[in-house]
Amino acid sequence: MTKAGNAHLRRVLVEAAKSYRHAPAIRRRMRDRIEGLPPEVQSIAWSAQHRLHKKYWSLARRGKHKGCIAVAIARELAGFVWAIAKEIEKLRLQAAV
């Protein structure tokens, strides 16, 4: 991940990426937050949780530095955020028609 672009967003993504060391689960607070979201968005988010958790531990088993792992996960997390944004945009366009 380069240092081009929004520094605050980069920092937030890296901090969020550190949470993927924990196993994916939908607990009560998360269930309340995702209630009402389109199923497509929920599916993307769930697959992101699984993929990024698996990648985190794959890199950790290879002996990568925790900072390096966090940045690699953050980069991929940005892709999932983009995918969710595109899905929401598509759903809004369909609703407008």
PDB file of N, CA and C in Angstrom:
ATOM      1  N   MET A   1       0.855  -1.161   0.000  1.00  0.00           N
ATOM      2  CA  MET A   1       0.000   0.000   0.000  1.00  0.00           C
ATOM      3  C   MET A   1       0.907   1.231   0.000  1.00  0.00           C
ATOM      4  N   THR A   2       0.707   2.057  -0.966  1.00  0.00           N
ATOM      5  CA  THR A   2       1.536   3.251  -1.078  1.00  0.00           C
ATOM      6  C   THR A   2       1.017   4.330  -0.135  1.00  0.00           C
ATOM      7  N   LYS A   3       1.814   5.370   0.038  1.00  0.00           N
ATOM      8  CA  LYS A   3       1.406   6.464   0.910  1.00  0.00           C
ATOM      9  C   LYS A   3       0.693   7.567   0.136  1.00  0.00           C
ATOM     10  N   ALA A   4       0.240   7.248  -1.059  1.00  0.00           N
ATOM     11  CA  ALA A   4      -0.541   8.202  -1.837  1.00  0.00           C
ATOM     12  C   ALA A   4      -1.987   8.152  -1.352  1.00  0.00           C
ATOM     13  N   GLY A   5      -2.669   9.265  -1.433  1.00  0.00           N
ATOM     14  CA  GLY A   5      -4.077   9.284  -1.073  1.00  0.00           C
ATOM     15  C   GLY A   5      -4.315   9.707   0.362  1.00  0.00           C
ATOM     16  N   ASN A   6      -5.475   9.367   0.852  1.00  0.00           N
ATOM     17  CA  ASN A   6      -5.962   9.811   2.145  1.00  0.00           C
ATOM     18  C   ASN A   6      -5.285   9.051   3.287  1.00  0.00           C
ATOM     19  N   ALA A   7      -4.489   9.756   4.086  1.00  0.00           N
ATOM     20  CA  ALA A   7      -3.752   9.130   5.189  1.00  0.00           C
ATOM     21  C   ALA A   7      -4.697   8.615   6.268  1.00  0.00           C
ATOM     22  N   HIS A   8      -5.765   9.350   6.544  1.00  0.00           N
ATOM     23  CA  HIS A   8      -6.714   8.919   7.566  1.00  0.00           C
ATOM     24  C   HIS A   8      -7.382   7.601   7.152  1.00  0.00           C
ATOM     25  N   LEU A   9      -7.796   7.521   5.908  1.00  0.00           N
ATOM     26  CA  LEU A   9      -8.435   6.302   5.409  1.00  0.00           C
ATOM     27  C   LEU A   9      -7.466   5.121   5.466  1.00  0.00           C
ATOM     28  N   ARG A  10      -6.212   5.349   5.101  1.00  0.00           N
ATOM     29  CA  ARG A  10      -5.201   4.280   5.180  1.00  0.00           C
ATOM     30  C   ARG A  10      -5.069   3.766   6.603  1.00  0.00           C
ATOM     31  N   ARG A  11      -4.994   4.696   7.558  1.00  0.00           N
ATOM     32  CA  ARG A  11      -4.840   4.311   8.955  1.00  0.00           C
ATOM     33  C   ARG A  11      -6.054   3.522   9.444  1.00  0.00           C
ATOM     34  N   VAL A  12      -7.247   3.949   9.074  1.00  0.00           N
ATOM     35  CA  VAL A  12      -8.466   3.261   9.481  1.00  0.00           C
ATOM     36  C   VAL A  12      -8.499   1.855   8.896  1.00  0.00           C
ATOM     37  N   LEU A  13      -8.122   1.714   7.627  1.00  0.00           N
ATOM     38  CA  LEU A  13      -8.109   0.384   7.006  1.00  0.00           C
ATOM     39  C   LEU A  13      -7.098  -0.541   7.684  1.00  0.00           C
ATOM     40  N   VAL A  14      -5.927  -0.019   8.018  1.00  0.00           N
ATOM     41  CA  VAL A  14      -4.915  -0.851   8.670  1.00  0.00           C
ATOM     42  C   VAL A  14      -5.380  -1.257  10.064  1.00  0.00           C
ATOM     43  N   GLU A  15      -5.989  -0.351  10.792  1.00  0.00           N
ATOM     44  CA  GLU A  15      -6.512  -0.686  12.119  1.00  0.00           C
ATOM     45  C   GLU A  15      -7.616  -1.726  12.017  1.00  0.00           C
ATOM     46  N   ALA A  16      -8.488  -1.581  11.032  1.00  0.00           N
ATOM     47  CA  ALA A  16      -9.566  -2.556  10.844  1.00  0.00           C
ATOM     48  C   ALA A  16      -8.999  -3.915  10.448  1.00  0.00           C
ATOM     49  N   ALA A  17      -7.934  -3.905   9.670  1.00  0.00           N
ATOM     50  CA  ALA A  17      -7.332  -5.162   9.207  1.00  0.00           C
ATOM     51  C   ALA A  17      -6.792  -5.985  10.366  1.00  0.00           C
ATOM     52  N   LYS A  18      -6.382  -5.331  11.424  1.00  0.00           N
ATOM     53  CA  LYS A  18      -5.837  -6.058  12.576  1.00  0.00           C
ATOM     54  C   LYS A  18      -6.898  -6.915  13.257  1.00  0.00           C
ATOM     55  N   SER A  19      -8.162  -6.594  13.086  1.00  0.00           N
ATOM     56  CA  SER A  19      -9.230  -7.364  13.724  1.00  0.00           C
ATOM     57  C   SER A  19      -9.476  -8.706  13.033  1.00  0.00           C
ATOM     58  N   TYR A  20      -8.917  -8.903  11.857  1.00  0.00           N
ATOM     59  CA  TYR A  20      -9.156 -10.152  11.130  1.00  0.00           C
ATOM     60  C   TYR A  20      -8.347 -11.319  11.683  1.00  0.00           C
ATOM     61  N   ARG A  21      -7.589 -11.090  12.759  1.00  0.00           N
ATOM     62  CA  ARG A  21      -6.917 -12.207  13.408  1.00  0.00           C
ATOM     63  C   ARG A  21      -7.926 -13.045  14.193  1.00  0.00           C
ATOM     64  N   HIS A  22      -9.083 -12.450  14.507  1.00  0.00           N
ATOM     65  CA  HIS A  22     -10.145 -13.157  15.223  1.00  0.00           C
ATOM     66  C   HIS A  22     -11.015 -13.928  14.226  1.00  0.00           C
ATOM     67  N   ALA A  23     -11.564 -15.042  14.683  1.00  0.00           N
ATOM     68  CA  ALA A  23     -12.417 -15.879  13.829  1.00  0.00           C
ATOM     69  C   ALA A  23     -13.677 -15.118  13.422  1.00  0.00           C
ATOM     70  N   PRO A  24     -14.124 -15.296  12.176  1.00  0.00           N
ATOM     71  CA  PRO A  24     -15.342 -14.618  11.726  1.00  0.00           C
ATOM     72  C   PRO A  24     -16.571 -15.158  12.452  1.00  0.00           C
ATOM     73  N   ALA A  25     -17.418 -14.251  12.876  1.00  0.00           N
ATOM     74  CA  ALA A  25     -18.659 -14.622  13.562  1.00  0.00           C
ATOM     75  C   ALA A  25     -19.618 -13.445  13.483  1.00  0.00           C
ATOM     76  N   ILE A  26     -20.902 -13.760  13.539  1.00  0.00           N
ATOM     77  CA  ILE A  26     -21.921 -12.713  13.577  1.00  0.00           C
ATOM     78  C   ILE A  26     -22.568 -12.794  14.958  1.00  0.00           C
ATOM     79  N   ARG A  27     -22.148 -11.895  15.809  1.00  0.00           N
ATOM     80  CA  ARG A  27     -22.702 -11.836  17.155  1.00  0.00           C
ATOM     81  C   ARG A  27     -23.871 -10.869  17.172  1.00  0.00           C
ATOM     82  N   ARG A  28     -24.478 -10.710  18.335  1.00  0.00           N
ATOM     83  CA  ARG A  28     -25.725  -9.950  18.432  1.00  0.00           C
ATOM     84  C   ARG A  28     -25.583  -8.515  17.923  1.00  0.00           C
ATOM     85  N   ARG A  29     -24.534  -7.809  18.336  1.00  0.00           N
ATOM     86  CA  ARG A  29     -24.361  -6.415  17.891  1.00  0.00           C
ATOM     87  C   ARG A  29     -24.201  -6.339  16.377  1.00  0.00           C
ATOM     88  N   MET A  30     -23.448  -7.278  15.809  1.00  0.00           N
ATOM     89  CA  MET A  30     -23.258  -7.287  14.355  1.00  0.00           C
ATOM     90  C   MET A  30     -24.576  -7.620  13.658  1.00  0.00           C
ATOM     91  N   ARG A  31     -25.323  -8.567  14.200  1.00  0.00           N
ATOM     92  CA  ARG A  31     -26.603  -8.951  13.603  1.00  0.00           C
ATOM     93  C   ARG A  31     -27.555  -7.756  13.589  1.00  0.00           C
ATOM     94  N   ASP A  32     -27.552  -6.982  14.666  1.00  0.00           N
ATOM     95  CA  ASP A  32     -28.412  -5.788  14.715  1.00  0.00           C
ATOM     96  C   ASP A  32     -27.976  -4.747  13.685  1.00  0.00           C
ATOM     97  N   ARG A  33     -26.652  -4.619  13.484  1.00  0.00           N
ATOM     98  CA  ARG A  33     -26.133  -3.631  12.540  1.00  0.00           C
ATOM     99  C   ARG A  33     -26.421  -3.997  11.096  1.00  0.00           C
ATOM    100  N   ILE A  34     -26.367  -5.289  10.764  1.00  0.00           N
ATOM    101  CA  ILE A  34     -26.554  -5.672   9.362  1.00  0.00           C
ATOM    102  C   ILE A  34     -28.015  -5.911   9.001  1.00  0.00           C
ATOM    103  N   GLU A  35     -28.883  -5.878  10.005  1.00  0.00           N
ATOM    104  CA  GLU A  35     -30.302  -6.063   9.744  1.00  0.00           C
ATOM    105  C   GLU A  35     -30.796  -4.967   8.807  1.00  0.00           C
ATOM    106  N   GLY A  36     -31.452  -5.359   7.752  1.00  0.00           N
ATOM    107  CA  GLY A  36     -31.967  -4.393   6.793  1.00  0.00           C
ATOM    108  C   GLY A  36     -31.045  -4.147   5.606  1.00  0.00           C
ATOM    109  N   LEU A  37     -29.813  -4.656   5.672  1.00  0.00           N
ATOM    110  CA  LEU A  37     -28.920  -4.518   4.516  1.00  0.00           C
ATOM    111  C   LEU A  37     -29.321  -5.524   3.442  1.00  0.00           C
ATOM    112  N   PRO A  38     -29.097  -5.199   2.183  1.00  0.00           N
ATOM    113  CA  PRO A  38     -29.412  -6.147   1.112  1.00  0.00           C
ATOM    114  C   PRO A  38     -28.609  -7.447   1.269  1.00  0.00           C
ATOM    115  N   PRO A  39     -29.186  -8.566   0.897  1.00  0.00           N
ATOM    116  CA  PRO A  39     -28.485  -9.849   1.035  1.00  0.00           C
ATOM    117  C   PRO A  39     -27.180  -9.902   0.240  1.00  0.00           C
ATOM    118  N   GLU A  40     -27.108  -9.183  -0.874  1.00  0.00           N
ATOM    119  CA  GLU A  40     -25.883  -9.163  -1.670  1.00  0.00           C
ATOM    120  C   GLU A  40     -24.733  -8.544  -0.875  1.00  0.00           C
ATOM    121  N   VAL A  41     -25.037  -7.460  -0.166  1.00  0.00           N
ATOM    122  CA  VAL A  41     -24.027  -6.774   0.643  1.00  0.00           C
ATOM    123  C   VAL A  41     -23.600  -7.655   1.812  1.00  0.00           C
ATOM    124  N   GLN A  42     -24.570  -8.313   2.447  1.00  0.00           N
ATOM    125  CA  GLN A  42     -24.257  -9.218   3.552  1.00  0.00           C
ATOM    126  C   GLN A  42     -23.369 -10.361   3.078  1.00  0.00           C
ATOM    127  N   SER A  43     -23.626 -10.857   1.874  1.00  0.00           N
ATOM    128  CA  SER A  43     -22.827 -11.945   1.318  1.00  0.00           C
ATOM    129  C   SER A  43     -21.381 -11.505   1.070  1.00  0.00           C
ATOM    130  N   ILE A  44     -21.212 -10.323   0.508  1.00  0.00           N
ATOM    131  CA  ILE A  44     -19.863  -9.799   0.259  1.00  0.00           C
ATOM    132  C   ILE A  44     -19.117  -9.628   1.586  1.00  0.00           C
ATOM    133  N   ALA A  45     -19.802  -9.074   2.586  1.00  0.00           N
ATOM    134  CA  ALA A  45     -19.173  -8.848   3.884  1.00  0.00           C
ATOM    135  C   ALA A  45     -18.776 -10.163   4.553  1.00  0.00           C
ATOM    136  N   TRP A  46     -19.632 -11.154   4.449  1.00  0.00           N
ATOM    137  CA  TRP A  46     -19.342 -12.456   5.071  1.00  0.00           C
ATOM    138  C   TRP A  46     -18.172 -13.139   4.372  1.00  0.00           C
ATOM    139  N   SER A  47     -18.139 -13.088   3.058  1.00  0.00           N
ATOM    140  CA  SER A  47     -17.013 -13.692   2.338  1.00  0.00           C
ATOM    141  C   SER A  47     -15.721 -12.940   2.629  1.00  0.00           C
ATOM    142  N   ALA A  48     -15.809 -11.627   2.834  1.00  0.00           N
ATOM    143  CA  ALA A  48     -14.627 -10.838   3.195  1.00  0.00           C
ATOM    144  C   ALA A  48     -14.093 -11.279   4.546  1.00  0.00           C
ATOM    145  N   GLN A  49     -14.992 -11.480   5.508  1.00  0.00           N
ATOM    146  CA  GLN A  49     -14.551 -11.924   6.832  1.00  0.00           C
ATOM    147  C   GLN A  49     -13.784 -13.234   6.744  1.00  0.00           C
ATOM    148  N   HIS A  50     -14.332 -14.189   6.023  1.00  0.00           N
ATOM    149  CA  HIS A  50     -13.681 -15.493   5.905  1.00  0.00           C
ATOM    150  C   HIS A  50     -12.350 -15.398   5.164  1.00  0.00           C
ATOM    151  N   ARG A  51     -12.363 -14.722   4.034  1.00  0.00           N
ATOM    152  CA  ARG A  51     -11.143 -14.641   3.223  1.00  0.00           C
ATOM    153  C   ARG A  51     -10.018 -13.909   3.955  1.00  0.00           C
ATOM    154  N   LEU A  52     -10.344 -12.788   4.588  1.00  0.00           N
ATOM    155  CA  LEU A  52      -9.312 -11.995   5.234  1.00  0.00           C
ATOM    156  C   LEU A  52      -8.786 -12.663   6.501  1.00  0.00           C
ATOM    157  N   HIS A  53      -9.651 -13.371   7.236  1.00  0.00           N
ATOM    158  CA  HIS A  53      -9.181 -14.132   8.404  1.00  0.00           C
ATOM    159  C   HIS A  53      -8.223 -15.243   7.964  1.00  0.00           C
ATOM    160  N   LYS A  54      -8.610 -15.939   6.917  1.00  0.00           N
ATOM    161  CA  LYS A  54      -7.761 -17.023   6.403  1.00  0.00           C
ATOM    162  C   LYS A  54      -6.416 -16.469   5.918  1.00  0.00           C
ATOM    163  N   LYS A  55      -6.449 -15.342   5.217  1.00  0.00           N
ATOM    164  CA  LYS A  55      -5.220 -14.743   4.708  1.00  0.00           C
ATOM    165  C   LYS A  55      -4.333 -14.255   5.852  1.00  0.00           C
ATOM    166  N   TYR A  56      -4.935 -13.670   6.878  1.00  0.00           N
ATOM    167  CA  TYR A  56      -4.165 -13.187   8.022  1.00  0.00           C
ATOM    168  C   TYR A  56      -3.340 -14.324   8.614  1.00  0.00           C
ATOM    169  N   TRP A  57      -3.994 -15.441   8.894  1.00  0.00           N
ATOM    170  CA  TRP A  57      -3.286 -16.543   9.535  1.00  0.00           C
ATOM    171  C   TRP A  57      -2.346 -17.263   8.580  1.00  0.00           C
ATOM    172  N   SER A  58      -2.648 -17.238   7.304  1.00  0.00           N
ATOM    173  CA  SER A  58      -1.734 -17.817   6.323  1.00  0.00           C
ATOM    174  C   SER A  58      -0.417 -17.042   6.316  1.00  0.00           C
ATOM    175  N   LEU A  59      -0.517 -15.715   6.328  1.00  0.00           N
ATOM    176  CA  LEU A  59       0.687 -14.883   6.352  1.00  0.00           C
ATOM    177  C   LEU A  59       1.415 -15.005   7.695  1.00  0.00           C
ATOM    178  N   ALA A  60       0.653 -15.122   8.780  1.00  0.00           N
ATOM    179  CA  ALA A  60       1.264 -15.247  10.107  1.00  0.00           C
ATOM    180  C   ALA A  60       2.037 -16.566  10.222  1.00  0.00           C
ATOM    181  N   ARG A  61       1.486 -17.637   9.686  1.00  0.00           N
ATOM    182  CA  ARG A  61       2.171 -18.935   9.725  1.00  0.00           C
ATOM    183  C   ARG A  61       3.472 -18.913   8.922  1.00  0.00           C
ATOM    184  N   ARG A  62       3.511 -18.056   7.891  1.00  0.00           N
ATOM    185  CA  ARG A  62       4.730 -17.935   7.100  1.00  0.00           C
ATOM    186  C   ARG A  62       5.777 -17.063   7.773  1.00  0.00           C
ATOM    187  N   GLY A  63       5.429 -16.495   8.928  1.00  0.00           N
ATOM    188  CA  GLY A  63       6.389 -15.716   9.681  1.00  0.00           C
ATOM    189  C   GLY A  63       6.482 -14.256   9.290  1.00  0.00           C
ATOM    190  N   LYS A  64       5.467 -13.755   8.608  1.00  0.00           N
ATOM    191  CA  LYS A  64       5.484 -12.334   8.210  1.00  0.00           C
ATOM    192  C   LYS A  64       5.314 -11.438   9.442  1.00  0.00           C
ATOM    193  N   HIS A  65       5.861 -10.240   9.358  1.00  0.00           N
ATOM    194  CA  HIS A  65       5.749  -9.251  10.427  1.00  0.00           C
ATOM    195  C   HIS A  65       4.294  -8.802  10.541  1.00  0.00           C
ATOM    196  N   LYS A  66       3.831  -8.550  11.776  1.00  0.00           N
ATOM    197  CA  LYS A  66       2.428  -8.175  11.990  1.00  0.00           C
ATOM    198  C   LYS A  66       2.044  -6.910  11.234  1.00  0.00           C
ATOM    199  N   GLY A  67       2.944  -5.958  11.125  1.00  0.00           N
ATOM    200  CA  GLY A  67       2.655  -4.734  10.378  1.00  0.00           C
ATOM    201  C   GLY A  67       2.473  -5.001   8.904  1.00  0.00           C
ATOM    202  N   CYS A  68       3.302  -5.879   8.384  1.00  0.00           N
ATOM    203  CA  CYS A  68       3.211  -6.260   6.969  1.00  0.00           C
ATOM    204  C   CYS A  68       1.890  -6.987   6.698  1.00  0.00           C
ATOM    205  N   ILE A  69       1.500  -7.846   7.629  1.00  0.00           N
ATOM    206  CA  ILE A  69       0.233  -8.580   7.489  1.00  0.00           C
ATOM    207  C   ILE A  69      -0.929  -7.595   7.484  1.00  0.00           C
ATOM    208  N   ALA A  70      -0.911  -6.640   8.417  1.00  0.00           N
ATOM    209  CA  ALA A  70      -2.006  -5.675   8.524  1.00  0.00           C
ATOM    210  C   ALA A  70      -2.153  -4.861   7.244  1.00  0.00           C
ATOM    211  N   VAL A  71      -1.032  -4.471   6.652  1.00  0.00           N
ATOM    212  CA  VAL A  71      -1.098  -3.679   5.423  1.00  0.00           C
ATOM    213  C   VAL A  71      -1.619  -4.527   4.261  1.00  0.00           C
ATOM    214  N   ALA A  72      -1.189  -5.781   4.192  1.00  0.00           N
ATOM    215  CA  ALA A  72      -1.671  -6.667   3.125  1.00  0.00           C
ATOM    216  C   ALA A  72      -3.181  -6.897   3.250  1.00  0.00           C
ATOM    217  N   ILE A  73      -3.653  -7.094   4.465  1.00  0.00           N
ATOM    218  CA  ILE A  73      -5.088  -7.299   4.700  1.00  0.00           C
ATOM    219  C   ILE A  73      -5.849  -6.007   4.390  1.00  0.00           C
ATOM    220  N   ALA A  74      -5.290  -4.862   4.789  1.00  0.00           N
ATOM    221  CA  ALA A  74      -5.940  -3.572   4.537  1.00  0.00           C
ATOM    222  C   ALA A  74      -6.104  -3.330   3.040  1.00  0.00           C
ATOM    223  N   ARG A  75      -5.111  -3.702   2.280  1.00  0.00           N
ATOM    224  CA  ARG A  75      -5.179  -3.514   0.825  1.00  0.00           C
ATOM    225  C   ARG A  75      -6.318  -4.331   0.237  1.00  0.00           C
ATOM    226  N   GLU A  76      -6.449  -5.576   0.698  1.00  0.00           N
ATOM    227  CA  GLU A  76      -7.525  -6.421   0.196  1.00  0.00           C
ATOM    228  C   GLU A  76      -8.882  -5.961   0.745  1.00  0.00           C
ATOM    229  N   LEU A  77      -8.899  -5.470   1.970  1.00  0.00           N
ATOM    230  CA  LEU A  77     -10.130  -4.947   2.563  1.00  0.00           C
ATOM    231  C   LEU A  77     -10.656  -3.770   1.746  1.00  0.00           C
ATOM    232  N   ALA A  78      -9.768  -2.941   1.244  1.00  0.00           N
ATOM    233  CA  ALA A  78     -10.178  -1.817   0.402  1.00  0.00           C
ATOM    234  C   ALA A  78     -10.931  -2.322  -0.829  1.00  0.00           C
ATOM    235  N   GLY A  79     -10.510  -3.447  -1.368  1.00  0.00           N
ATOM    236  CA  GLY A  79     -11.203  -4.040  -2.508  1.00  0.00           C
ATOM    237  C   GLY A  79     -12.613  -4.482  -2.151  1.00  0.00           C
ATOM    238  N   PHE A  80     -12.781  -5.056  -0.960  1.00  0.00           N
ATOM    239  CA  PHE A  80     -14.118  -5.471  -0.528  1.00  0.00           C
ATOM    240  C   PHE A  80     -15.007  -4.255  -0.260  1.00  0.00           C
ATOM    241  N   VAL A  81     -14.445  -3.203   0.285  1.00  0.00           N
ATOM    242  CA  VAL A  81     -15.210  -1.970   0.509  1.00  0.00           C
ATOM    243  C   VAL A  81     -15.685  -1.412  -0.829  1.00  0.00           C
ATOM    244  N   TRP A  82     -14.795  -1.438  -1.806  1.00  0.00           N
ATOM    245  CA  TRP A  82     -15.159  -0.968  -3.149  1.00  0.00           C
ATOM    246  C   TRP A  82     -16.279  -1.831  -3.732  1.00  0.00           C
ATOM    247  N   ALA A  83     -16.185  -3.162  -3.566  1.00  0.00           N
ATOM    248  CA  ALA A  83     -17.208  -4.070  -4.094  1.00  0.00           C
ATOM    249  C   ALA A  83     -18.569  -3.799  -3.453  1.00  0.00           C
ATOM    250  N   ILE A  84     -18.587  -3.538  -2.161  1.00  0.00           N
ATOM    251  CA  ILE A  84     -19.847  -3.227  -1.476  1.00  0.00           C
ATOM    252  C   ILE A  84     -20.403  -1.900  -1.988  1.00  0.00           C
ATOM    253  N   ALA A  85     -19.538  -0.917  -2.176  1.00  0.00           N
ATOM    254  CA  ALA A  85     -19.990   0.385  -2.689  1.00  0.00           C
ATOM    255  C   ALA A  85     -20.589   0.240  -4.088  1.00  0.00           C
ATOM    256  N   LYS A  86     -19.964  -0.551  -4.937  1.00  0.00           N
ATOM    257  CA  LYS A  86     -20.495  -0.771  -6.292  1.00  0.00           C
ATOM    258  C   LYS A  86     -21.839  -1.495  -6.242  1.00  0.00           C
ATOM    259  N   GLU A  87     -21.982  -2.446  -5.336  1.00  0.00           N
ATOM    260  CA  GLU A  87     -23.243  -3.190  -5.203  1.00  0.00           C
ATOM    261  C   GLU A  87     -24.359  -2.260  -4.737  1.00  0.00           C
ATOM    262  N   ILE A  88     -24.075  -1.412  -3.775  1.00  0.00           N
ATOM    263  CA  ILE A  88     -25.081  -0.456  -3.291  1.00  0.00           C
ATOM    264  C   ILE A  88     -25.460   0.528  -4.391  1.00  0.00           C
ATOM    265  N   GLU A  89     -24.462   0.970  -5.157  1.00  0.00           N
ATOM    266  CA  GLU A  89     -24.745   1.874  -6.271  1.00  0.00           C
ATOM    267  C   GLU A  89     -25.661   1.198  -7.294  1.00  0.00           C
ATOM    268  N   LYS A  90     -25.382  -0.056  -7.580  1.00  0.00           N
ATOM    269  CA  LYS A  90     -26.200  -0.813  -8.541  1.00  0.00           C
ATOM    270  C   LYS A  90     -27.636  -0.954  -8.024  1.00  0.00           C
ATOM    271  N   LEU A  91     -27.778  -1.267  -6.735  1.00  0.00           N
ATOM    272  CA  LEU A  91     -29.109  -1.421  -6.162  1.00  0.00           C
ATOM    273  C   LEU A  91     -29.887  -0.101  -6.163  1.00  0.00           C
ATOM    274  N   ARG A  92     -29.192   1.022  -5.930  1.00  0.00           N
ATOM    275  CA  ARG A  92     -29.860   2.319  -5.957  1.00  0.00           C
ATOM    276  C   ARG A  92     -30.307   2.683  -7.364  1.00  0.00           C
ATOM    277  N   LEU A  93     -29.497   2.337  -8.356  1.00  0.00           N
ATOM    278  CA  LEU A  93     -29.888   2.610  -9.738  1.00  0.00           C
ATOM    279  C   LEU A  93     -31.098   1.778 -10.127  1.00  0.00           C
ATOM    280  N   GLN A  94     -31.152   0.530  -9.672  1.00  0.00           N
ATOM    281  CA  GLN A  94     -32.305  -0.324  -9.970  1.00  0.00           C
ATOM    282  C   GLN A  94     -33.572   0.205  -9.298  1.00  0.00           C
ATOM    283  N   ALA A  95     -33.416   0.726  -8.088  1.00  0.00           N
ATOM    284  CA  ALA A  95     -34.555   1.253  -7.348  1.00  0.00           C
ATOM    285  C   ALA A  95     -35.087   2.540  -7.998  1.00  0.00           C
ATOM    286  N   ALA A  96     -34.192   3.290  -8.626  1.00  0.00           N
ATOM    287  CA  ALA A  96     -34.601   4.550  -9.254  1.00  0.00           C
ATOM    288  C   ALA A  96     -35.389   4.334 -10.539  1.00  0.00           C
ATOM    289  N   VAL A  97     -35.208   3.177 -11.128  1.00  0.00           N
ATOM    290  CA  VAL A  97     -35.884   2.904 -12.410  1.00  0.00           C
ATOM    291  C   VAL A  97     -37.291   2.460 -12.235  1.00  0.00           C
TER     292      VAL A  97
END
